Amino acid sequence: MKTSEQRLLKTGALVADLAVIATALGGTVAAAMDVKVSALQFGIACVTFAVVALILNRRAVALAGWRRLDTVQRSTLFADLCQLPPFPALICAPRGDEEAEAYARHVLAVFREAGWAVQFRLADTDRTVDNADVLLGVRNPLDPPTGVVALSQTLQRVGVRAATGMSGWATPDGVDVVFISRRD
């Protein structure tokens, strides 16, 4: 999620919170003035704004917990990727997992900025990787190519939990899949 989207979400939640307060006060004033219809209308509006505020606030809290590279991690990963010899790779995320897809696209952008020829695809899988955010799929995980080992170390150095596993589609000299796992 982009910073502008986060700001918009927070602003919307704040406006909805303020609308709840304003309509509650309006309903109280209308009730005090013995205007029953207006008090009922303010009450309905207050409940509506409260529901909107609840939805926006819950979404903001959920998004705050999404994985993301901070500025230092991102710049370190970019610098390290520029030093590694790039090889073709595919970055995947499980279809239907918004958080994993957003994280995968965030990582994808760093790879592309560093000049790597990477593609992106949503995978029809519910696969998760124990104790890892990223699985590097190789042909032989017991003897991975040098570039894959260096990539794994680079990811781990910036704080991304990475593991190497077997992939039947990997080329002998590279990694087939950089799979972004579902969040634990």
Protein backbone atom coordinates (compact mmCIF):
# COMPACT_ATOMS: atom_id res chain seq x y z
CA MET A 1 0.00 0.00 0.00
CA LYS A 2 1.31 3.41 -0.92
CA THR A 3 1.86 6.20 1.59
CA SER A 4 -0.83 8.32 -0.10
CA GLU A 5 -3.33 5.47 0.35
CA GLN A 6 -2.41 5.15 4.02
CA ARG A 7 -2.89 8.89 4.52
CA LEU A 8 -6.25 8.76 2.75
CA LEU A 9 -7.36 5.86 4.94
CA LYS A 10 -6.29 7.63 8.14
CA THR A 11 -7.93 10.87 7.02
CA GLY A 12 -11.17 9.05 6.18
CA ALA A 13 -11.19 7.37 9.58
CA LEU A 14 -10.60 10.71 11.31
CA VAL A 15 -13.40 12.41 9.34
CA ALA A 16 -15.76 9.53 10.17
CA ASP A 17 -14.82 9.80 13.88
CA LEU A 18 -15.50 13.54 13.84
CA ALA A 19 -18.80 12.96 12.03
CA VAL A 20 -19.84 10.53 14.78
CA ILE A 21 -19.14 13.19 17.41
CA ALA A 22 -20.91 15.93 15.44
CA THR A 23 -24.02 13.85 14.74
CA ALA A 24 -24.17 12.63 18.34
CA LEU A 25 -24.06 16.26 19.52
CA GLY A 26 -26.68 17.22 16.91
CA GLY A 27 -28.94 14.42 18.08
CA THR A 28 -28.52 15.52 21.69
CA VAL A 29 -29.38 19.13 20.83
CA ALA A 30 -32.40 18.04 18.74
CA ALA A 31 -33.63 15.82 21.59
CA ALA A 32 -33.18 18.68 24.07
CA MET A 33 -35.23 20.93 21.80
CA ASP A 34 -37.89 18.17 21.62
CA VAL A 35 -37.56 17.77 17.84
CA LYS A 36 -38.16 14.01 17.58
CA VAL A 37 -37.71 13.61 13.80
CA SER A 38 -34.37 15.45 13.76
CA ALA A 39 -33.14 13.51 16.79
CA LEU A 40 -33.97 10.23 15.01
CA GLN A 41 -32.22 11.38 11.82
CA PHE A 42 -29.14 12.43 13.77
CA GLY A 43 -29.18 9.07 15.56
CA ILE A 44 -29.29 7.15 12.28
CA ALA A 45 -26.48 9.30 10.84
CA CYS A 46 -24.43 8.80 14.01
CA VAL A 47 -24.73 5.00 13.80
CA THR A 48 -23.87 5.07 10.08
CA PHE A 49 -20.74 7.16 10.65
CA ALA A 50 -19.77 4.94 13.59
CA VAL A 51 -19.89 1.87 11.34
CA VAL A 52 -17.82 3.63 8.64
CA ALA A 53 -15.29 4.74 11.28
CA LEU A 54 -15.07 1.20 12.64
CA ILE A 55 -14.43 -0.26 9.18
CA LEU A 56 -11.78 2.33 8.29
CA ASN A 57 -10.04 2.06 11.65
CA ARG A 58 -9.97 -1.76 11.51
CA ARG A 59 -8.52 -1.62 7.99
CA ALA A 60 -5.87 0.88 9.11
CA VAL A 61 -4.88 -1.37 12.03
CA ALA A 62 -4.71 -4.42 9.74
CA LEU A 63 -2.55 -2.58 7.21
CA ALA A 64 -0.20 -1.34 9.91
CA GLY A 65 0.80 -4.96 10.56
CA TRP A 66 1.68 -5.72 6.93
CA ARG A 67 5.28 -6.60 6.12
CA ARG A 68 7.23 -3.83 4.46
CA LEU A 69 10.87 -2.92 3.99
CA ASP A 70 11.73 0.25 5.86
CA THR A 71 13.91 2.89 4.21
CA VAL A 72 17.20 1.48 5.53
CA GLN A 73 16.29 -2.09 4.57
CA ARG A 74 15.16 -0.99 1.12
CA SER A 75 18.30 1.05 0.39
CA THR A 76 20.58 -1.71 1.74
CA LEU A 77 18.79 -4.35 -0.35
CA PHE A 78 19.03 -2.12 -3.42
CA ALA A 79 22.78 -1.54 -2.92
CA ASP A 80 23.43 -5.25 -2.34
CA LEU A 81 21.36 -6.31 -5.36
CA CYS A 82 23.34 -3.89 -7.53
CA GLN A 83 26.53 -5.70 -6.44
CA LEU A 84 25.20 -9.19 -7.22
CA PRO A 85 25.18 -10.59 -10.75
CA PRO A 86 21.49 -10.54 -11.72
CA PHE A 87 19.78 -13.69 -12.95
CA PRO A 88 16.22 -14.17 -14.21
CA ALA A 89 13.75 -14.83 -11.44
CA LEU A 90 10.04 -14.97 -10.80
CA ILE A 91 8.58 -13.36 -7.70
CA CYS A 92 5.35 -15.07 -6.63
CA ALA A 93 2.74 -14.49 -3.99
CA PRO A 94 -0.27 -16.62 -3.09
CA ARG A 95 -3.42 -15.58 -4.96
CA GLY A 96 -5.98 -14.01 -2.64
CA ASP A 97 -3.50 -12.88 0.02
CA GLU A 98 -3.44 -9.08 -0.21
CA GLU A 99 -0.66 -8.71 2.35
CA ALA A 100 1.68 -11.20 0.64
CA GLU A 101 0.94 -9.66 -2.77
CA ALA A 102 1.68 -6.13 -1.52
CA TYR A 103 4.93 -7.32 0.07
CA ALA A 104 5.91 -9.21 -3.09
CA ARG A 105 5.27 -6.15 -5.27
CA HIS A 106 7.31 -4.03 -2.85
CA VAL A 107 10.25 -6.48 -3.09
CA LEU A 108 9.75 -6.73 -6.88
CA ALA A 109 10.16 -2.96 -7.25
CA VAL A 110 13.52 -3.06 -5.45
CA PHE A 111 14.77 -5.90 -7.67
CA ARG A 112 13.70 -4.07 -10.83
CA GLU A 113 15.28 -0.79 -9.69
CA ALA A 114 18.53 -2.71 -9.19
CA GLY A 115 18.40 -3.89 -12.81
CA TRP A 116 17.23 -7.45 -12.27
CA ALA A 117 15.03 -9.14 -14.90
CA VAL A 118 12.27 -10.31 -12.58
CA GLN A 119 8.68 -11.13 -13.34
CA PHE A 120 5.68 -11.25 -11.03
CA ARG A 121 2.92 -13.82 -10.80
CA LEU A 122 0.18 -14.77 -8.37
CA ALA A 123 0.40 -18.46 -7.50
CA ASP A 124 -2.58 -20.72 -6.93
CA THR A 125 -1.23 -22.12 -3.70
CA ASP A 126 -1.78 -21.86 0.01
CA ARG A 127 1.84 -22.73 0.66
CA THR A 128 3.57 -21.19 3.62
CA VAL A 129 7.19 -21.48 4.63
CA ASP A 130 7.95 -22.16 8.26
CA ASN A 131 10.10 -19.45 9.81
CA ALA A 132 10.57 -17.58 6.52
CA ASP A 133 9.01 -14.69 4.63
CA VAL A 134 10.68 -15.68 1.37
CA LEU A 135 11.43 -19.07 -0.20
CA LEU A 136 14.13 -19.20 -2.86
CA GLY A 137 13.20 -22.15 -5.08
CA VAL A 138 16.20 -23.94 -6.63
CA ARG A 139 16.79 -27.26 -8.38
CA ASN A 140 19.00 -28.70 -5.62
CA PRO A 141 18.64 -26.98 -2.23
CA LEU A 142 21.56 -29.02 -0.84
CA ASP A 143 23.90 -27.45 -3.39
CA PRO A 144 22.34 -24.13 -4.46
CA PRO A 145 24.07 -21.95 -7.07
CA THR A 146 26.46 -19.29 -5.75
CA GLY A 147 24.15 -16.46 -6.82
CA VAL A 148 21.25 -17.96 -4.86
CA VAL A 149 23.39 -18.30 -1.74
CA ALA A 150 24.47 -14.65 -2.08
CA LEU A 151 20.85 -13.55 -2.65
CA SER A 152 19.72 -15.48 0.43
CA GLN A 153 22.46 -13.87 2.52
CA THR A 154 21.54 -10.43 1.15
CA LEU A 155 17.87 -10.88 2.06
CA GLN A 156 18.77 -12.14 5.53
CA ARG A 157 21.21 -9.26 6.05
CA VAL A 158 18.42 -6.72 5.57
CA GLY A 159 16.12 -8.60 7.94
CA VAL A 160 14.04 -10.65 5.49
CA ARG A 161 13.67 -14.21 6.74
CA ALA A 162 14.72 -16.30 3.72
CA ALA A 163 14.92 -20.05 3.17
CA THR A 164 16.08 -22.13 0.20
CA GLY A 165 13.90 -24.97 -1.03
CA MET A 166 13.38 -27.26 -3.98
CA SER A 167 11.66 -26.17 -7.18
CA GLY A 168 11.17 -28.43 -10.18
CA TRP A 169 11.27 -25.49 -12.61
CA ALA A 170 14.54 -23.92 -11.51
CA THR A 171 17.32 -23.53 -14.03
CA PRO A 172 20.65 -25.16 -13.07
CA ASP A 173 22.34 -21.79 -12.57
CA GLY A 174 19.60 -19.74 -10.98
CA VAL A 175 16.50 -19.47 -8.94
CA ASP A 176 13.11 -20.15 -10.40
CA VAL A 177 10.90 -18.71 -7.74
CA VAL A 178 11.25 -16.06 -5.09
CA PHE A 179 8.08 -17.05 -3.27
CA ILE A 180 6.60 -14.63 -0.77
CA SER A 181 5.01 -16.74 1.93
CA ARG A 182 1.72 -16.07 3.68
CA ARG A 183 2.14 -14.24 6.94
CA ASP A 184 2.31 -16.49 10.04
